[in-house]
């Protein structure tokens, strides 16, 4: 909330939400849409709409405080920059579902605190 206040105090009409990632924003979107490879055994979490942070870290690093280690998702460079992101593993016939409410929770938090989120 402190960063939202800094933005508002600087004269911004809208504060940024969803701009933080523990790993990268592409992973955030993959988790939000339930695009979790089967090797991470998260089918129940996807169905419940609640992919946890440990699953996201296992996707990024191959391990986390809980869950079985698995091969991490491939990482690649974004064009010719030094920015890297995790490559989503998509397959034919894949379905997507809202499997993380983190972005929407941040929007709600900003609204409750009296900020206008973007």
C-alpha atoms as a PDB file:
ATOM      1  CA  UNK A   1       0.000   0.000   0.000  1.00  0.00           C
ATOM      2  CA  UNK A   2       2.954   2.291   0.635  1.00  0.00           C
ATOM      3  CA  UNK A   3       3.890   2.184  -3.060  1.00  0.00           C
ATOM      4  CA  UNK A   4       0.342   3.052  -4.068  1.00  0.00           C
ATOM      5  CA  UNK A   5       0.478   6.050  -1.763  1.00  0.00           C
ATOM      6  CA  UNK A   6       3.793   7.150  -3.316  1.00  0.00           C
ATOM      7  CA  UNK A   7       2.178   6.968  -6.763  1.00  0.00           C
ATOM      8  CA  UNK A   8      -0.841   8.968  -5.646  1.00  0.00           C
ATOM      9  CA  UNK A   9       1.324  11.536  -3.838  1.00  0.00           C
ATOM     10  CA  UNK A  10       3.298  11.977  -7.087  1.00  0.00           C
ATOM     11  CA  UNK A  11       0.076  13.091  -8.776  1.00  0.00           C
ATOM     12  CA  UNK A  12      -0.985   9.894 -10.531  1.00  0.00           C
ATOM     13  CA  UNK A  13      -4.724   9.418 -10.894  1.00  0.00           C
ATOM     14  CA  UNK A  14      -4.383   5.623 -11.075  1.00  0.00           C
ATOM     15  CA  UNK A  15      -2.112   3.264  -9.139  1.00  0.00           C
ATOM     16  CA  UNK A  16      -0.523   0.186 -10.700  1.00  0.00           C
ATOM     17  CA  UNK A  17      -1.661  -3.262  -9.646  1.00  0.00           C
ATOM     18  CA  UNK A  18      -0.424  -6.590 -10.957  1.00  0.00           C
ATOM     19  CA  UNK A  19       3.004  -5.189 -11.728  1.00  0.00           C
ATOM     20  CA  UNK A  20       4.872  -7.292  -9.165  1.00  0.00           C
ATOM     21  CA  UNK A  21       6.104 -10.801  -9.896  1.00  0.00           C
ATOM     22  CA  UNK A  22       8.032 -13.172  -7.674  1.00  0.00           C
ATOM     23  CA  UNK A  23       9.587 -14.536 -10.864  1.00  0.00           C
ATOM     24  CA  UNK A  24       8.184 -13.022 -14.038  1.00  0.00           C
ATOM     25  CA  UNK A  25       4.911 -11.685 -15.406  1.00  0.00           C
ATOM     26  CA  UNK A  26       4.598 -14.431 -18.026  1.00  0.00           C
ATOM     27  CA  UNK A  27       4.615 -17.011 -15.221  1.00  0.00           C
ATOM     28  CA  UNK A  28       1.974 -14.946 -13.403  1.00  0.00           C
ATOM     29  CA  UNK A  29      -0.318 -15.135 -16.454  1.00  0.00           C
ATOM     30  CA  UNK A  30       0.337 -18.864 -16.955  1.00  0.00           C
ATOM     31  CA  UNK A  31      -0.627 -19.517 -13.325  1.00  0.00           C
ATOM     32  CA  UNK A  32      -3.659 -17.215 -13.514  1.00  0.00           C
ATOM     33  CA  UNK A  33      -4.965 -19.119 -16.552  1.00  0.00           C
ATOM     34  CA  UNK A  34      -4.217 -22.563 -15.108  1.00  0.00           C
ATOM     35  CA  UNK A  35      -1.551 -23.343 -17.720  1.00  0.00           C
ATOM     36  CA  UNK A  36       0.426 -25.539 -15.314  1.00  0.00           C
ATOM     37  CA  UNK A  37       2.265 -28.506 -16.856  1.00  0.00           C
ATOM     38  CA  UNK A  38       1.076 -31.904 -15.581  1.00  0.00           C
ATOM     39  CA  UNK A  39       4.476 -32.749 -14.041  1.00  0.00           C
ATOM     40  CA  UNK A  40       3.752 -30.243 -11.262  1.00  0.00           C
ATOM     41  CA  UNK A  41       0.730 -32.292 -10.113  1.00  0.00           C
ATOM     42  CA  UNK A  42      -1.444 -29.216  -9.689  1.00  0.00           C
ATOM     43  CA  UNK A  43      -4.614 -30.483 -11.402  1.00  0.00           C
ATOM     44  CA  UNK A  44      -6.662 -30.228  -8.190  1.00  0.00           C
ATOM     45  CA  UNK A  45      -5.357 -26.713  -7.551  1.00  0.00           C
ATOM     46  CA  UNK A  46      -6.242 -25.667 -11.112  1.00  0.00           C
ATOM     47  CA  UNK A  47      -9.747 -27.105 -10.724  1.00  0.00           C
ATOM     48  CA  UNK A  48     -10.177 -25.278  -7.403  1.00  0.00           C
ATOM     49  CA  UNK A  49      -8.942 -22.006  -8.919  1.00  0.00           C
ATOM     50  CA  UNK A  50      -6.137 -21.779  -6.393  1.00  0.00           C
ATOM     51  CA  UNK A  51      -2.625 -22.356  -7.748  1.00  0.00           C
ATOM     52  CA  UNK A  52      -0.350 -21.770  -4.785  1.00  0.00           C
ATOM     53  CA  UNK A  53       2.926 -19.883  -4.675  1.00  0.00           C
ATOM     54  CA  UNK A  54       4.952 -23.076  -4.186  1.00  0.00           C
ATOM     55  CA  UNK A  55       3.614 -24.470  -7.484  1.00  0.00           C
ATOM     56  CA  UNK A  56       4.643 -21.268  -9.255  1.00  0.00           C
ATOM     57  CA  UNK A  57       8.132 -21.509  -7.737  1.00  0.00           C
ATOM     58  CA  UNK A  58       8.393 -25.162  -8.762  1.00  0.00           C
ATOM     59  CA  UNK A  59       7.504 -24.124 -12.316  1.00  0.00           C
ATOM     60  CA  UNK A  60      10.236 -21.471 -12.186  1.00  0.00           C
ATOM     61  CA  UNK A  61      12.951 -23.245 -10.208  1.00  0.00           C
ATOM     62  CA  UNK A  62      11.984 -26.917 -10.204  1.00  0.00           C
ATOM     63  CA  UNK A  63      11.675 -26.935  -6.413  1.00  0.00           C
ATOM     64  CA  UNK A  64       9.924 -25.102  -3.582  1.00  0.00           C
ATOM     65  CA  UNK A  65       9.383 -25.544   0.167  1.00  0.00           C
ATOM     66  CA  UNK A  66       6.546 -27.994  -0.543  1.00  0.00           C
ATOM     67  CA  UNK A  67       5.665 -30.352  -3.369  1.00  0.00           C
ATOM     68  CA  UNK A  68       7.808 -32.768  -5.309  1.00  0.00           C
ATOM     69  CA  UNK A  69      10.685 -31.307  -7.333  1.00  0.00           C
ATOM     70  CA  UNK A  70      10.179 -31.411 -11.108  1.00  0.00           C
ATOM     71  CA  UNK A  71      11.991 -30.086 -14.151  1.00  0.00           C
ATOM     72  CA  UNK A  72      11.533 -26.311 -14.264  1.00  0.00           C
ATOM     73  CA  UNK A  73       9.903 -24.660 -17.255  1.00  0.00           C
ATOM     74  CA  UNK A  74      12.206 -23.488 -20.035  1.00  0.00           C
ATOM     75  CA  UNK A  75      13.506 -19.948 -19.835  1.00  0.00           C
ATOM     76  CA  UNK A  76      14.182 -17.777 -22.864  1.00  0.00           C
ATOM     77  CA  UNK A  77      15.244 -14.232 -23.648  1.00  0.00           C
ATOM     78  CA  UNK A  78      12.730 -11.613 -24.686  1.00  0.00           C
ATOM     79  CA  UNK A  79      13.935 -10.698 -28.190  1.00  0.00           C
ATOM     80  CA  UNK A  80      17.459  -9.226 -27.896  1.00  0.00           C
ATOM     81  CA  UNK A  81      17.148  -7.967 -24.320  1.00  0.00           C
ATOM     82  CA  UNK A  82      18.583  -9.301 -21.101  1.00  0.00           C
ATOM     83  CA  UNK A  83      15.032  -9.875 -19.830  1.00  0.00           C
ATOM     84  CA  UNK A  84      14.228 -13.563 -19.445  1.00  0.00           C
ATOM     85  CA  UNK A  85      10.849 -15.173 -18.978  1.00  0.00           C
ATOM     86  CA  UNK A  86       9.496 -18.682 -18.531  1.00  0.00           C
ATOM     87  CA  UNK A  87       8.057 -20.175 -21.692  1.00  0.00           C
ATOM     88  CA  UNK A  88       4.436 -21.302 -21.201  1.00  0.00           C
ATOM     89  CA  UNK A  89       3.951 -24.985 -22.011  1.00  0.00           C
ATOM     90  CA  UNK A  90       0.793 -25.114 -24.088  1.00  0.00           C
ATOM     91  CA  UNK A  91      -0.657 -28.066 -25.961  1.00  0.00           C
ATOM     92  CA  UNK A  92      -3.398 -28.786 -28.452  1.00  0.00           C
ATOM     93  CA  UNK A  93      -6.809 -29.025 -26.829  1.00  0.00           C
ATOM     94  CA  UNK A  94      -5.674 -27.241 -23.694  1.00  0.00           C
ATOM     95  CA  UNK A  95      -8.343 -25.527 -21.657  1.00  0.00           C
ATOM     96  CA  UNK A  96      -7.819 -22.439 -19.556  1.00  0.00           C
ATOM     97  CA  UNK A  97      -9.494 -21.527 -16.309  1.00  0.00           C
ATOM     98  CA  UNK A  98      -9.052 -18.826 -13.700  1.00  0.00           C
ATOM     99  CA  UNK A  99      -6.687 -20.625 -11.361  1.00  0.00           C
ATOM    100  CA  UNK A 100      -5.348 -17.672  -9.387  1.00  0.00           C
ATOM    101  CA  UNK A 101      -7.186 -14.651  -8.068  1.00  0.00           C
ATOM    102  CA  UNK A 102      -4.022 -12.760  -7.120  1.00  0.00           C
ATOM    103  CA  UNK A 103      -4.514  -9.949  -9.674  1.00  0.00           C
ATOM    104  CA  UNK A 104      -8.161  -9.488  -8.718  1.00  0.00           C
ATOM    105  CA  UNK A 105      -7.268  -9.571  -5.024  1.00  0.00           C
ATOM    106  CA  UNK A 106      -4.784  -6.731  -5.615  1.00  0.00           C
ATOM    107  CA  UNK A 107      -7.444  -4.698  -7.436  1.00  0.00           C
ATOM    108  CA  UNK A 108      -9.869  -5.227  -4.546  1.00  0.00           C
ATOM    109  CA  UNK A 109      -7.190  -4.308  -2.000  1.00  0.00           C
ATOM    110  CA  UNK A 110      -6.399  -1.045  -3.826  1.00  0.00           C
ATOM    111  CA  UNK A 111     -10.095  -0.165  -4.056  1.00  0.00           C
ATOM    112  CA  UNK A 112     -10.681  -0.865  -0.355  1.00  0.00           C
ATOM    113  CA  UNK A 113      -7.702   1.366   0.482  1.00  0.00           C
ATOM    114  CA  UNK A 114      -9.251   4.233  -1.505  1.00  0.00           C
ATOM    115  CA  UNK A 115      -7.049   4.089  -4.621  1.00  0.00           C
ATOM    116  CA  UNK A 116      -8.129   3.843  -8.253  1.00  0.00           C
ATOM    117  CA  UNK A 117      -6.263   0.861  -9.768  1.00  0.00           C
ATOM    118  CA  UNK A 118      -5.126   0.376 -13.329  1.00  0.00           C
END
